[in-house]
């Protein structure tokens, strides 16, 4: 079977996206998903996303990690599928769609996609780290000299040894100024450092506010693939109206025999 695919990226976080509104893609074939994401023998991506019909919103997002397994929410993937849905003329400038963690609202302005993330009710502050679930689980640590930090080695160790079988994404953060932070992320499912992670920068922004590293509710995050911004409201220790913003762009499209 020949399938058409679209390759999108959001600050270097890249995805194979398929229009599956006809339900023809073999969704249970995890090895196929992994092979499409393979950077040597497939299209190459950090994950694969299916766009499907949904009765209550403009579309449904189904997300798979590069290892082939269906996974939790992906923030940059969410922004990229919004850009793809815009290309398909499913909406004009504003949209709602459903993902594994519920309903999301989004808005497109040129190549900038702003995506409303889930509310965050609980942020766990530990002695050396902060943990928050922003649609996916995230461990956040503040470090010095991020350029030379062993992200892969440290991230893999924390992901596997602290958080059990399910694991956690791991983010290392360095403060640049009052409202700007650099971040590098080890992503579970990819099992490597990625150029950006949307739920990761969201968790980092909230963690930096929670620990009073910043008083701003609009935080700039410098990732390896560019710049993202996270804004939010805070009330009674709850983070609401959480919005992740940044570029999402089509890289190329093609077809492949599966």
Protein backbone atom coordinates (compact mmCIF):
# COMPACT_ATOMS: atom_id res chain seq x y z
CA UNK A 1 0.00 0.00 0.00
CA UNK A 2 1.23 3.47 -0.89
CA UNK A 3 0.63 6.23 1.68
CA UNK A 4 1.11 9.98 1.45
CA UNK A 5 2.95 11.60 4.34
CA UNK A 6 3.87 15.10 5.46
CA UNK A 7 7.02 15.99 7.41
CA UNK A 8 6.63 18.90 9.84
CA UNK A 9 8.99 20.42 12.40
CA UNK A 10 8.54 22.73 15.36
CA UNK A 11 11.89 24.18 16.55
CA UNK A 12 13.62 21.05 15.28
CA UNK A 13 11.18 18.58 16.88
CA UNK A 14 10.11 16.71 13.73
CA UNK A 15 7.14 14.50 12.92
CA UNK A 16 5.70 12.33 10.18
CA UNK A 17 2.03 13.32 9.90
CA UNK A 18 -0.64 11.28 8.08
CA UNK A 19 -4.19 12.19 7.15
CA UNK A 20 -6.02 9.14 8.51
CA UNK A 21 -9.60 10.39 8.21
CA UNK A 22 -10.36 7.31 6.08
CA UNK A 23 -9.00 5.00 8.84
CA UNK A 24 -6.77 3.12 6.39
CA UNK A 25 -3.50 3.29 8.33
CA UNK A 26 -2.74 0.06 10.28
CA UNK A 27 -2.64 1.72 13.71
CA UNK A 28 -1.72 -1.42 15.66
CA UNK A 29 1.41 -2.03 13.59
CA UNK A 30 3.97 -0.55 16.00
CA UNK A 31 6.94 -1.83 14.03
CA UNK A 32 5.66 0.04 10.96
CA UNK A 33 5.43 3.27 12.93
CA UNK A 34 8.96 2.77 14.25
CA UNK A 35 10.28 2.04 10.75
CA UNK A 36 8.72 5.21 9.34
CA UNK A 37 10.39 7.22 12.13
CA UNK A 38 13.76 5.55 11.59
CA UNK A 39 16.29 8.13 10.39
CA UNK A 40 18.33 5.64 8.37
CA UNK A 41 15.73 3.32 6.81
CA UNK A 42 12.53 5.41 6.96
CA UNK A 43 11.35 8.99 6.63
CA UNK A 44 12.95 9.94 9.95
CA UNK A 45 11.21 11.71 12.82
CA UNK A 46 10.89 12.09 16.59
CA UNK A 47 7.34 10.77 16.31
CA UNK A 48 4.40 9.95 14.05
CA UNK A 49 1.00 11.65 14.23
CA UNK A 50 -2.34 10.61 12.76
CA UNK A 51 -5.02 13.19 12.01
CA UNK A 52 -8.46 11.59 12.34
CA UNK A 53 -12.12 12.61 12.38
CA UNK A 54 -13.75 13.58 15.66
CA UNK A 55 -17.44 14.24 16.33
CA UNK A 56 -16.91 16.91 18.99
CA UNK A 57 -14.04 18.97 17.51
CA UNK A 58 -12.29 19.79 14.24
CA UNK A 59 -10.09 16.68 14.36
CA UNK A 60 -8.41 14.10 16.56
CA UNK A 61 -4.66 13.74 17.19
CA UNK A 62 -3.13 10.29 17.73
CA UNK A 63 0.54 10.43 18.67
CA UNK A 64 3.24 7.74 18.54
CA UNK A 65 6.80 8.00 19.84
CA UNK A 66 9.67 7.09 17.53
CA UNK A 67 9.84 3.66 19.17
CA UNK A 68 6.44 2.88 17.62
CA UNK A 69 4.35 3.03 20.78
CA UNK A 70 1.31 5.26 21.17
CA UNK A 71 2.16 7.82 23.79
CA UNK A 72 1.04 10.77 25.89
CA UNK A 73 0.62 14.35 24.66
CA UNK A 74 3.30 15.99 22.54
CA UNK A 75 3.24 19.81 22.60
CA UNK A 76 5.29 20.48 19.47
CA UNK A 77 3.50 17.63 17.74
CA UNK A 78 0.23 19.29 18.69
CA UNK A 79 1.39 22.55 17.16
CA UNK A 80 2.54 20.77 14.00
CA UNK A 81 -0.73 18.91 13.51
CA UNK A 82 -2.56 22.23 13.87
CA UNK A 83 -0.40 23.62 11.03
CA UNK A 84 -1.21 20.50 8.99
CA UNK A 85 -4.96 20.82 9.68
CA UNK A 86 -4.71 24.45 8.54
CA UNK A 87 -3.11 23.23 5.30
CA UNK A 88 -6.07 20.83 4.86
CA UNK A 89 -8.45 23.81 5.29
CA UNK A 90 -10.12 22.26 8.35
CA UNK A 91 -10.34 25.72 9.96
CA UNK A 92 -9.41 29.35 9.30
CA UNK A 93 -7.37 30.75 12.20
CA UNK A 94 -8.68 29.10 15.38
CA UNK A 95 -9.37 25.44 16.05
CA UNK A 96 -10.20 22.87 18.68
CA UNK A 97 -9.03 19.27 18.57
CA UNK A 98 -8.96 16.30 20.88
CA UNK A 99 -5.81 14.45 21.98
CA UNK A 100 -5.07 11.75 24.52
CA UNK A 101 -5.13 14.30 27.36
CA UNK A 102 -8.39 15.97 26.31
CA UNK A 103 -9.58 18.96 24.31
CA UNK A 104 -7.13 21.60 23.07
CA UNK A 105 -7.60 25.06 21.59
CA UNK A 106 -5.12 26.53 19.14
CA UNK A 107 -4.57 29.57 16.95
CA UNK A 108 -2.42 30.12 13.85
CA UNK A 109 -0.73 33.41 12.93
CA UNK A 110 1.57 32.90 9.94
CA UNK A 111 3.95 30.09 10.89
CA UNK A 112 3.42 30.69 14.63
CA UNK A 113 1.07 28.21 16.28
CA UNK A 114 -0.17 28.88 19.82
CA UNK A 115 -1.53 25.80 21.58
CA UNK A 116 -3.45 25.73 24.84
CA UNK A 117 -2.06 22.96 27.03
CA UNK A 118 -3.79 21.23 29.93
CA UNK A 119 -4.11 22.91 33.31
CA UNK A 120 -1.44 21.85 35.81
CA UNK A 121 -2.85 21.24 39.27
CA UNK A 122 0.21 19.74 40.92
CA UNK A 123 3.91 20.64 40.80
CA UNK A 124 6.16 18.50 42.99
CA UNK A 125 9.23 20.35 44.25
CA UNK A 126 11.98 17.97 45.38
CA UNK A 127 15.43 18.65 46.80
CA UNK A 128 17.24 18.66 43.46
CA UNK A 129 14.44 18.65 40.89
CA UNK A 130 10.84 19.53 40.08
CA UNK A 131 8.25 17.19 38.59
CA UNK A 132 5.15 18.21 36.63
CA UNK A 133 2.77 16.48 34.23
CA UNK A 134 1.96 18.82 31.35
CA UNK A 135 0.27 16.16 29.24
CA UNK A 136 3.43 14.07 29.55
CA UNK A 137 5.55 13.51 32.69
CA UNK A 138 8.58 15.78 33.11
CA UNK A 139 11.53 15.89 35.47
CA UNK A 140 13.17 19.35 35.56
CA UNK A 141 16.64 20.15 36.96
CA UNK A 142 18.54 23.44 37.10
CA UNK A 143 22.17 23.08 35.99
CA UNK A 144 25.18 25.22 35.14
CA UNK A 145 27.17 25.19 31.87
CA UNK A 146 24.36 23.56 29.87
CA UNK A 147 26.45 23.53 26.67
CA UNK A 148 28.77 20.92 28.15
CA UNK A 149 26.24 19.06 30.29
CA UNK A 150 26.00 15.26 29.66
CA UNK A 151 22.30 15.37 28.76
CA UNK A 152 22.14 11.90 27.22
CA UNK A 153 23.94 10.08 30.04
CA UNK A 154 22.26 11.93 32.91
CA UNK A 155 18.87 11.97 31.23
CA UNK A 156 18.90 8.26 30.48
CA UNK A 157 19.91 7.43 34.05
CA UNK A 158 17.15 9.57 35.61
CA UNK A 159 14.54 8.36 33.11
CA UNK A 160 15.19 4.71 33.91
CA UNK A 161 16.31 4.62 37.54
CA UNK A 162 14.03 7.13 39.24
CA UNK A 163 10.71 6.83 37.42
CA UNK A 164 10.32 3.08 36.96
CA UNK A 165 9.05 1.22 33.90
CA UNK A 166 6.99 4.10 32.47
CA UNK A 167 9.87 6.53 32.86
CA UNK A 168 9.82 10.30 32.53
CA UNK A 169 11.14 12.90 30.15
CA UNK A 170 14.11 14.74 31.66
CA UNK A 171 14.85 18.44 31.24
CA UNK A 172 18.00 20.33 32.17
CA UNK A 173 17.58 24.10 32.52
CA UNK A 174 19.99 27.04 32.74
CA UNK A 175 18.72 30.53 33.60
CA UNK A 176 19.75 33.30 31.19
CA UNK A 177 17.86 36.25 32.68
CA UNK A 178 14.70 37.00 34.68
CA UNK A 179 12.29 35.49 32.16
CA UNK A 180 14.50 33.50 29.77
CA UNK A 181 15.87 29.98 30.21
CA UNK A 182 17.84 27.55 28.07
CA UNK A 183 16.67 23.97 28.08
CA UNK A 184 17.86 20.60 26.78
CA UNK A 185 15.62 17.55 26.96
CA UNK A 186 16.07 13.78 26.99
CA UNK A 187 12.81 12.30 25.66
CA UNK A 188 11.50 8.87 26.58
CA UNK A 189 10.26 6.93 23.56
CA UNK A 190 12.90 8.64 21.43
CA UNK A 191 15.47 7.59 24.06
CA UNK A 192 17.76 10.43 23.13
CA UNK A 193 18.08 14.19 23.32
CA UNK A 194 15.77 16.02 20.92
CA UNK A 195 16.14 19.55 19.55
CA UNK A 196 12.99 20.65 21.40
CA UNK A 197 10.14 19.30 23.51
CA UNK A 198 6.88 21.22 23.83
CA UNK A 199 5.54 19.60 26.99
CA UNK A 200 9.10 19.84 28.35
CA UNK A 201 9.44 23.59 27.94
CA UNK A 202 5.93 23.95 29.39
CA UNK A 203 6.98 21.97 32.46
CA UNK A 204 10.22 23.95 32.73
CA UNK A 205 8.45 27.31 32.56
CA UNK A 206 5.99 26.28 35.27
CA UNK A 207 8.80 24.79 37.38
CA UNK A 208 10.84 27.98 37.19
CA UNK A 209 7.83 30.03 38.27
CA UNK A 210 6.93 27.59 41.04
CA UNK A 211 10.44 27.77 42.52
CA UNK A 212 10.52 31.59 42.15
CA UNK A 213 13.33 31.62 39.61
CA UNK A 214 11.03 33.94 37.66
CA UNK A 215 8.02 36.02 38.59
CA UNK A 216 6.91 36.37 34.98
CA UNK A 217 3.91 34.47 33.64
CA UNK A 218 5.34 34.72 30.12
CA UNK A 219 8.56 32.72 29.89
CA UNK A 220 11.00 32.44 26.97
CA UNK A 221 12.60 29.03 26.41
CA UNK A 222 15.68 28.69 24.22
CA UNK A 223 15.86 25.14 22.89
CA UNK A 224 18.48 23.59 20.63
CA UNK A 225 16.18 24.09 17.62
CA UNK A 226 15.06 27.66 18.27
CA UNK A 227 12.81 29.59 20.64
CA UNK A 228 9.47 28.80 22.29
CA UNK A 229 7.31 30.79 24.66
CA UNK A 230 5.02 29.63 27.45
CA UNK A 231 2.41 31.82 29.15
CA UNK A 232 0.00 30.96 31.95
CA UNK A 233 -2.24 32.22 34.73
CA UNK A 234 -1.74 31.19 38.36
CA UNK A 235 -4.49 30.91 40.95
CA UNK A 236 -4.47 28.89 44.19
CA UNK A 237 -1.27 27.11 43.07
CA UNK A 238 -3.00 25.99 39.84
CA UNK A 239 -1.56 26.86 36.45
CA UNK A 240 -4.35 27.59 33.97
CA UNK A 241 -4.64 29.08 30.47
CA UNK A 242 -1.26 27.51 29.71
CA UNK A 243 -0.26 28.38 26.14
CA UNK A 244 2.75 27.07 24.19
CA UNK A 245 3.75 29.23 21.20
CA UNK A 246 6.35 28.93 18.46
CA UNK A 247 6.92 28.13 14.79
CA UNK A 248 5.58 25.00 13.10
CA UNK A 249 6.54 24.42 9.48
CA UNK A 250 6.10 21.94 6.65
CA UNK A 251 9.47 20.47 5.65
CA UNK A 252 8.41 18.24 2.76
CA UNK A 253 5.74 15.79 1.64
CA UNK A 254 5.93 12.52 -0.25
CA UNK A 255 4.67 8.98 -0.54
CA UNK A 256 6.08 5.69 0.67
CA UNK A 257 5.28 2.01 0.09
CA UNK A 258 4.32 0.17 3.28
